[in-house]
Amino acid sequence: MESSVGELLSLLAVPAAAGAAWAGVKSGLNGARESITQIERIVNRLDEKVDQHGERISRIEVETAHLKSRG
């Protein structure tokens, strides 16, 4: 009887371990999703800043060309 109880407990440990492993994987995936979302936000902000600087540079180039043509 003792061996059958021990076997039963060992068989129950496998699904419990698998469930715990899955919970760890799921938690890690959720953390990765949050990190990816943060990275996307940062990249979008940087993209906007690059666009703004590109527009400023273009305006300065136009103004410089205009001043050179007047001089």
PDB file of N, CA and C in Angstrom:
ATOM      1  N   MET A   1       0.813  -1.194   0.000  1.00  0.00           N
ATOM      2  CA  MET A   1       0.000   0.000   0.000  1.00  0.00           C
ATOM      3  C   MET A   1       0.858   1.259   0.000  1.00  0.00           C
ATOM      4  N   GLU A   2       1.947   1.230   0.760  1.00  0.00           N
ATOM      5  CA  GLU A   2       2.809   2.403   0.816  1.00  0.00           C
ATOM      6  C   GLU A   2       3.397   2.744  -0.544  1.00  0.00           C
ATOM      7  N   SER A   3       3.770   1.720  -1.298  1.00  0.00           N
ATOM      8  CA  SER A   3       4.365   1.997  -2.596  1.00  0.00           C
ATOM      9  C   SER A   3       3.343   2.591  -3.552  1.00  0.00           C
ATOM     10  N   SER A   4       2.083   2.184  -3.473  1.00  0.00           N
ATOM     11  CA  SER A   4       1.066   2.742  -4.365  1.00  0.00           C
ATOM     12  C   SER A   4       0.764   4.196  -4.007  1.00  0.00           C
ATOM     13  N   VAL A   5       0.782   4.514  -2.711  1.00  0.00           N
ATOM     14  CA  VAL A   5       0.580   5.911  -2.295  1.00  0.00           C
ATOM     15  C   VAL A   5       1.761   6.753  -2.765  1.00  0.00           C
ATOM     16  N   GLY A   6       2.957   6.210  -2.620  1.00  0.00           N
ATOM     17  CA  GLY A   6       4.151   6.929  -3.082  1.00  0.00           C
ATOM     18  C   GLY A   6       4.139   7.128  -4.576  1.00  0.00           C
ATOM     19  N   GLU A   7       3.720   6.114  -5.317  1.00  0.00           N
ATOM     20  CA  GLU A   7       3.616   6.241  -6.775  1.00  0.00           C
ATOM     21  C   GLU A   7       2.580   7.285  -7.154  1.00  0.00           C
ATOM     22  N   LEU A   8       1.444   7.261  -6.455  1.00  0.00           N
ATOM     23  CA  LEU A   8       0.383   8.230  -6.734  1.00  0.00           C
ATOM     24  C   LEU A   8       0.871   9.652  -6.475  1.00  0.00           C
ATOM     25  N   LEU A   9       1.574   9.839  -5.372  1.00  0.00           N
ATOM     26  CA  LEU A   9       2.098  11.172  -5.057  1.00  0.00           C
ATOM     27  C   LEU A   9       3.132  11.615  -6.080  1.00  0.00           C
ATOM     28  N   SER A  10       3.961  10.694  -6.526  1.00  0.00           N
ATOM     29  CA  SER A  10       4.968  11.062  -7.526  1.00  0.00           C
ATOM     30  C   SER A  10       4.310  11.390  -8.856  1.00  0.00           C
ATOM     31  N   LEU A  11       3.209  10.682  -9.179  1.00  0.00           N
ATOM     32  CA  LEU A  11       2.485  10.991 -10.413  1.00  0.00           C
ATOM     33  C   LEU A  11       1.782  12.342 -10.334  1.00  0.00           C
ATOM     34  N   LEU A  12       1.346  12.727  -9.150  1.00  0.00           N
ATOM     35  CA  LEU A  12       0.705  14.032  -8.979  1.00  0.00           C
ATOM     36  C   LEU A  12       1.725  15.164  -8.990  1.00  0.00           C
ATOM     37  N   ALA A  13       2.963  14.859  -8.657  1.00  0.00           N
ATOM     38  CA  ALA A  13       3.998  15.890  -8.630  1.00  0.00           C
ATOM     39  C   ALA A  13       4.335  16.373 -10.029  1.00  0.00           C
ATOM     40  N   VAL A  14       4.232  15.489 -11.018  1.00  0.00           N
ATOM     41  CA  VAL A  14       4.575  15.869 -12.393  1.00  0.00           C
ATOM     42  C   VAL A  14       3.647  16.964 -12.922  1.00  0.00           C
ATOM     43  N   PRO A  15       2.318  16.791 -12.843  1.00  0.00           N
ATOM     44  CA  PRO A  15       1.454  17.884 -13.317  1.00  0.00           C
ATOM     45  C   PRO A  15       1.626  19.165 -12.497  1.00  0.00           C
ATOM     46  N   ALA A  16       1.876  19.019 -11.205  1.00  0.00           N
ATOM     47  CA  ALA A  16       2.082  20.211 -10.372  1.00  0.00           C
ATOM     48  C   ALA A  16       3.338  20.952 -10.813  1.00  0.00           C
ATOM     49  N   ALA A  17       4.399  20.208 -11.097  1.00  0.00           N
ATOM     50  CA  ALA A  17       5.639  20.842 -11.561  1.00  0.00           C
ATOM     51  C   ALA A  17       5.431  21.486 -12.924  1.00  0.00           C
ATOM     52  N   ALA A  18       4.695  20.800 -13.795  1.00  0.00           N
ATOM     53  CA  ALA A  18       4.417  21.365 -15.121  1.00  0.00           C
ATOM     54  C   ALA A  18       3.591  22.643 -14.999  1.00  0.00           C
ATOM     55  N   GLY A  19       2.609  22.624 -14.095  1.00  0.00           N
ATOM     56  CA  GLY A  19       1.803  23.829 -13.877  1.00  0.00           C
ATOM     57  C   GLY A  19       2.631  24.984 -13.349  1.00  0.00           C
ATOM     58  N   ALA A  20       3.536  24.693 -12.441  1.00  0.00           N
ATOM     59  CA  ALA A  20       4.415  25.740 -11.907  1.00  0.00           C
ATOM     60  C   ALA A  20       5.343  26.275 -12.992  1.00  0.00           C
ATOM     61  N   ALA A  21       5.847  25.377 -13.827  1.00  0.00           N
ATOM     62  CA  ALA A  21       6.724  25.815 -14.920  1.00  0.00           C
ATOM     63  C   ALA A  21       5.953  26.702 -15.886  1.00  0.00           C
ATOM     64  N   TRP A  22       4.732  26.309 -16.214  1.00  0.00           N
ATOM     65  CA  TRP A  22       3.913  27.111 -17.129  1.00  0.00           C
ATOM     66  C   TRP A  22       3.627  28.488 -16.525  1.00  0.00           C
ATOM     67  N   ALA A  23       3.358  28.537 -15.231  1.00  0.00           N
ATOM     68  CA  ALA A  23       3.115  29.823 -14.573  1.00  0.00           C
ATOM     69  C   ALA A  23       4.343  30.723 -14.683  1.00  0.00           C
ATOM     70  N   GLY A  24       5.528  30.123 -14.539  1.00  0.00           N
ATOM     71  CA  GLY A  24       6.756  30.907 -14.692  1.00  0.00           C
ATOM     72  C   GLY A  24       6.936  31.415 -16.101  1.00  0.00           C
ATOM     73  N   VAL A  25       6.647  30.565 -17.077  1.00  0.00           N
ATOM     74  CA  VAL A  25       6.757  30.973 -18.486  1.00  0.00           C
ATOM     75  C   VAL A  25       5.759  32.084 -18.788  1.00  0.00           C
ATOM     76  N   LYS A  26       4.530  31.907 -18.310  1.00  0.00           N
ATOM     77  CA  LYS A  26       3.487  32.910 -18.555  1.00  0.00           C
ATOM     78  C   LYS A  26       3.867  34.251 -17.933  1.00  0.00           C
ATOM     79  N   SER A  27       4.405  34.198 -16.732  1.00  0.00           N
ATOM     80  CA  SER A  27       4.850  35.423 -16.068  1.00  0.00           C
ATOM     81  C   SER A  27       5.970  36.093 -16.857  1.00  0.00           C
ATOM     82  N   GLY A  28       6.897  35.284 -17.343  1.00  0.00           N
ATOM     83  CA  GLY A  28       7.991  35.827 -18.145  1.00  0.00           C
ATOM     84  C   GLY A  28       7.499  36.452 -19.434  1.00  0.00           C
ATOM     85  N   LEU A  29       6.516  35.819 -20.071  1.00  0.00           N
ATOM     86  CA  LEU A  29       5.950  36.374 -21.311  1.00  0.00           C
ATOM     87  C   LEU A  29       5.238  37.687 -21.045  1.00  0.00           C
ATOM     88  N   ASN A  30       4.521  37.774 -19.930  1.00  0.00           N
ATOM     89  CA  ASN A  30       3.859  39.027 -19.587  1.00  0.00           C
ATOM     90  C   ASN A  30       4.887  40.131 -19.367  1.00  0.00           C
ATOM     91  N   GLY A  31       5.986  39.799 -18.705  1.00  0.00           N
ATOM     92  CA  GLY A  31       7.055  40.781 -18.510  1.00  0.00           C
ATOM     93  C   GLY A  31       7.669  41.212 -19.829  1.00  0.00           C
ATOM     94  N   ALA A  32       7.829  40.253 -20.741  1.00  0.00           N
ATOM     95  CA  ALA A  32       8.387  40.576 -22.058  1.00  0.00           C
ATOM     96  C   ALA A  32       7.432  41.488 -22.825  1.00  0.00           C
ATOM     97  N   ARG A  33       6.142  41.219 -22.733  1.00  0.00           N
ATOM     98  CA  ARG A  33       5.156  42.081 -23.411  1.00  0.00           C
ATOM     99  C   ARG A  33       5.236  43.512 -22.887  1.00  0.00           C
ATOM    100  N   GLU A  34       5.327  43.644 -21.574  1.00  0.00           N
ATOM    101  CA  GLU A  34       5.429  44.985 -20.981  1.00  0.00           C
ATOM    102  C   GLU A  34       6.698  45.686 -21.448  1.00  0.00           C
ATOM    103  N   SER A  35       7.796  44.955 -21.503  1.00  0.00           N
ATOM    104  CA  SER A  35       9.054  45.542 -21.960  1.00  0.00           C
ATOM    105  C   SER A  35       8.955  45.970 -23.409  1.00  0.00           C
ATOM    106  N   ILE A  36       8.353  45.138 -24.241  1.00  0.00           N
ATOM    107  CA  ILE A  36       8.195  45.475 -25.659  1.00  0.00           C
ATOM    108  C   ILE A  36       7.324  46.709 -25.814  1.00  0.00           C
ATOM    109  N   THR A  37       6.266  46.798 -25.021  1.00  0.00           N
ATOM    110  CA  THR A  37       5.388  47.973 -25.070  1.00  0.00           C
ATOM    111  C   THR A  37       6.164  49.231 -24.689  1.00  0.00           C
ATOM    112  N   GLN A  38       6.988  49.149 -23.649  1.00  0.00           N
ATOM    113  CA  GLN A  38       7.797  50.299 -23.237  1.00  0.00           C
ATOM    114  C   GLN A  38       8.795  50.674 -24.327  1.00  0.00           C
ATOM    115  N   ILE A  39       9.411  49.683 -24.937  1.00  0.00           N
ATOM    116  CA  ILE A  39      10.373  49.953 -26.014  1.00  0.00           C
ATOM    117  C   ILE A  39       9.673  50.626 -27.187  1.00  0.00           C
ATOM    118  N   GLU A  40       8.468  50.158 -27.529  1.00  0.00           N
ATOM    119  CA  GLU A  40       7.713  50.782 -28.620  1.00  0.00           C
ATOM    120  C   GLU A  40       7.418  52.243 -28.312  1.00  0.00           C
ATOM    121  N   ARG A  41       7.045  52.531 -27.061  1.00  0.00           N
ATOM    122  CA  ARG A  41       6.768  53.921 -26.682  1.00  0.00           C
ATOM    123  C   ARG A  41       8.020  54.779 -26.825  1.00  0.00           C
ATOM    124  N   ILE A  42       9.140  54.254 -26.376  1.00  0.00           N
ATOM    125  CA  ILE A  42      10.401  55.003 -26.463  1.00  0.00           C
ATOM    126  C   ILE A  42      10.771  55.249 -27.920  1.00  0.00           C
ATOM    127  N   VAL A  43      10.656  54.224 -28.751  1.00  0.00           N
ATOM    128  CA  VAL A  43      10.998  54.360 -30.168  1.00  0.00           C
ATOM    129  C   VAL A  43      10.085  55.372 -30.839  1.00  0.00           C
ATOM    130  N   ASN A  44       8.797  55.338 -30.517  1.00  0.00           N
ATOM    131  CA  ASN A  44       7.868  56.306 -31.104  1.00  0.00           C
ATOM    132  C   ASN A  44       8.221  57.736 -30.706  1.00  0.00           C
ATOM    133  N   ARG A  45       8.581  57.923 -29.422  1.00  0.00           N
ATOM    134  CA  ARG A  45       8.984  59.271 -28.980  1.00  0.00           C
ATOM    135  C   ARG A  45      10.251  59.723 -29.697  1.00  0.00           C
ATOM    136  N   LEU A  46      11.210  58.819 -29.830  1.00  0.00           N
ATOM    137  CA  LEU A  46      12.445  59.174 -30.541  1.00  0.00           C
ATOM    138  C   LEU A  46      12.165  59.486 -32.000  1.00  0.00           C
ATOM    139  N   ASP A  47      11.272  58.726 -32.617  1.00  0.00           N
ATOM    140  CA  ASP A  47      10.911  58.965 -34.009  1.00  0.00           C
ATOM    141  C   ASP A  47      10.299  60.346 -34.180  1.00  0.00           C
ATOM    142  N   GLU A  48       9.425  60.732 -33.241  1.00  0.00           N
ATOM    143  CA  GLU A  48       8.825  62.062 -33.286  1.00  0.00           C
ATOM    144  C   GLU A  48       9.890  63.142 -33.140  1.00  0.00           C
ATOM    145  N   LYS A  49      10.843  62.932 -32.231  1.00  0.00           N
ATOM    146  CA  LYS A  49      11.910  63.918 -32.037  1.00  0.00           C
ATOM    147  C   LYS A  49      12.783  64.032 -33.282  1.00  0.00           C
ATOM    148  N   VAL A  50      13.082  62.909 -33.912  1.00  0.00           N
ATOM    149  CA  VAL A  50      13.883  62.935 -35.144  1.00  0.00           C
ATOM    150  C   VAL A  50      13.135  63.702 -36.229  1.00  0.00           C
ATOM    151  N   ASP A  51      11.822  63.454 -36.331  1.00  0.00           N
ATOM    152  CA  ASP A  51      11.020  64.185 -37.314  1.00  0.00           C
ATOM    153  C   ASP A  51      11.049  65.682 -37.048  1.00  0.00           C
ATOM    154  N   GLN A  52      10.912  66.060 -35.772  1.00  0.00           N
ATOM    155  CA  GLN A  52      10.935  67.479 -35.422  1.00  0.00           C
ATOM    156  C   GLN A  52      12.284  68.100 -35.769  1.00  0.00           C
ATOM    157  N   HIS A  53      13.365  67.397 -35.450  1.00  0.00           N
ATOM    158  CA  HIS A  53      14.689  67.932 -35.764  1.00  0.00           C
ATOM    159  C   HIS A  53      14.903  67.994 -37.276  1.00  0.00           C
ATOM    160  N   GLY A  54      14.400  67.009 -37.989  1.00  0.00           N
ATOM    161  CA  GLY A  54      14.505  67.021 -39.453  1.00  0.00           C
ATOM    162  C   GLY A  54      13.791  68.221 -40.041  1.00  0.00           C
ATOM    163  N   GLU A  55      12.616  68.544 -39.513  1.00  0.00           N
ATOM    164  CA  GLU A  55      11.872  69.721 -39.981  1.00  0.00           C
ATOM    165  C   GLU A  55      12.645  71.001 -39.673  1.00  0.00           C
ATOM    166  N   ARG A  56      13.225  71.093 -38.488  1.00  0.00           N
ATOM    167  CA  ARG A  56      14.015  72.284 -38.133  1.00  0.00           C
ATOM    168  C   ARG A  56      15.215  72.429 -39.054  1.00  0.00           C
ATOM    169  N   ILE A  57      15.901  71.325 -39.310  1.00  0.00           N
ATOM    170  CA  ILE A  57      17.069  71.376 -40.197  1.00  0.00           C
ATOM    171  C   ILE A  57      16.657  71.818 -41.597  1.00  0.00           C
ATOM    172  N   SER A  58      15.530  71.307 -42.072  1.00  0.00           N
ATOM    173  CA  SER A  58      15.047  71.705 -43.400  1.00  0.00           C
ATOM    174  C   SER A  58      14.751  73.194 -43.445  1.00  0.00           C
ATOM    175  N   ARG A  59      14.100  73.719 -42.399  1.00  0.00           N
ATOM    176  CA  ARG A  59      13.809  75.163 -42.366  1.00  0.00           C
ATOM    177  C   ARG A  59      15.092  75.976 -42.342  1.00  0.00           C
ATOM    178  N   ILE A  60      16.074  75.528 -41.578  1.00  0.00           N
ATOM    179  CA  ILE A  60      17.350  76.247 -41.510  1.00  0.00           C
ATOM    180  C   ILE A  60      18.054  76.209 -42.869  1.00  0.00           C
ATOM    181  N   GLU A  61      18.016  75.057 -43.546  1.00  0.00           N
ATOM    182  CA  GLU A  61      18.633  74.956 -44.869  1.00  0.00           C
ATOM    183  C   GLU A  61      17.966  75.903 -45.861  1.00  0.00           C
ATOM    184  N   VAL A  62      16.633  75.984 -45.805  1.00  0.00           N
ATOM    185  CA  VAL A  62      15.908  76.883 -46.705  1.00  0.00           C
ATOM    186  C   VAL A  62      16.275  78.325 -46.395  1.00  0.00           C
ATOM    187  N   GLU A  63      16.288  78.656 -45.117  1.00  0.00           N
ATOM    188  CA  GLU A  63      16.637  80.031 -44.736  1.00  0.00           C
ATOM    189  C   GLU A  63      18.074  80.361 -45.126  1.00  0.00           C
ATOM    190  N   THR A  64      18.999  79.411 -44.937  1.00  0.00           N
ATOM    191  CA  THR A  64      20.396  79.622 -45.316  1.00  0.00           C
ATOM    192  C   THR A  64      20.519  79.847 -46.816  1.00  0.00           C
ATOM    193  N   ALA A  65      19.828  79.038 -47.595  1.00  0.00           N
ATOM    194  CA  ALA A  65      19.858  79.202 -49.059  1.00  0.00           C
ATOM    195  C   ALA A  65      19.289  80.564 -49.449  1.00  0.00           C
ATOM    196  N   HIS A  66      18.223  80.948 -48.761  1.00  0.00           N
ATOM    197  CA  HIS A  66      17.603  82.254 -49.033  1.00  0.00           C
ATOM    198  C   HIS A  66      18.590  83.388 -48.715  1.00  0.00           C
ATOM    199  N   LEU A  67      19.253  83.305 -47.586  1.00  0.00           N
ATOM    200  CA  LEU A  67      20.217  84.348 -47.198  1.00  0.00           C
ATOM    201  C   LEU A  67      21.406  84.384 -48.162  1.00  0.00           C
ATOM    202  N   LYS A  68      21.864  83.210 -48.604  1.00  0.00           N
ATOM    203  CA  LYS A  68      22.976  83.165 -49.553  1.00  0.00           C
ATOM    204  C   LYS A  68      22.589  83.793 -50.884  1.00  0.00           C
ATOM    205  N   SER A  69      21.357  83.569 -51.298  1.00  0.00           N
ATOM    206  CA  SER A  69      20.922  84.125 -52.579  1.00  0.00           C
ATOM    207  C   SER A  69      20.767  85.637 -52.499  1.00  0.00           C
ATOM    208  N   ARG A  70      20.470  86.168 -51.330  1.00  0.00           N
ATOM    209  CA  ARG A  70      20.340  87.613 -51.151  1.00  0.00           C
ATOM    210  C   ARG A  70      21.711  88.282 -51.071  1.00  0.00           C
ATOM    211  N   GLY A  71      22.717  87.525 -50.608  1.00  0.00           N
ATOM    212  CA  GLY A  71      24.028  88.108 -50.359  1.00  0.00           C
ATOM    213  C   GLY A  71      24.826  88.193 -51.568  1.00  0.00           C
TER     214      GLY A  71
END
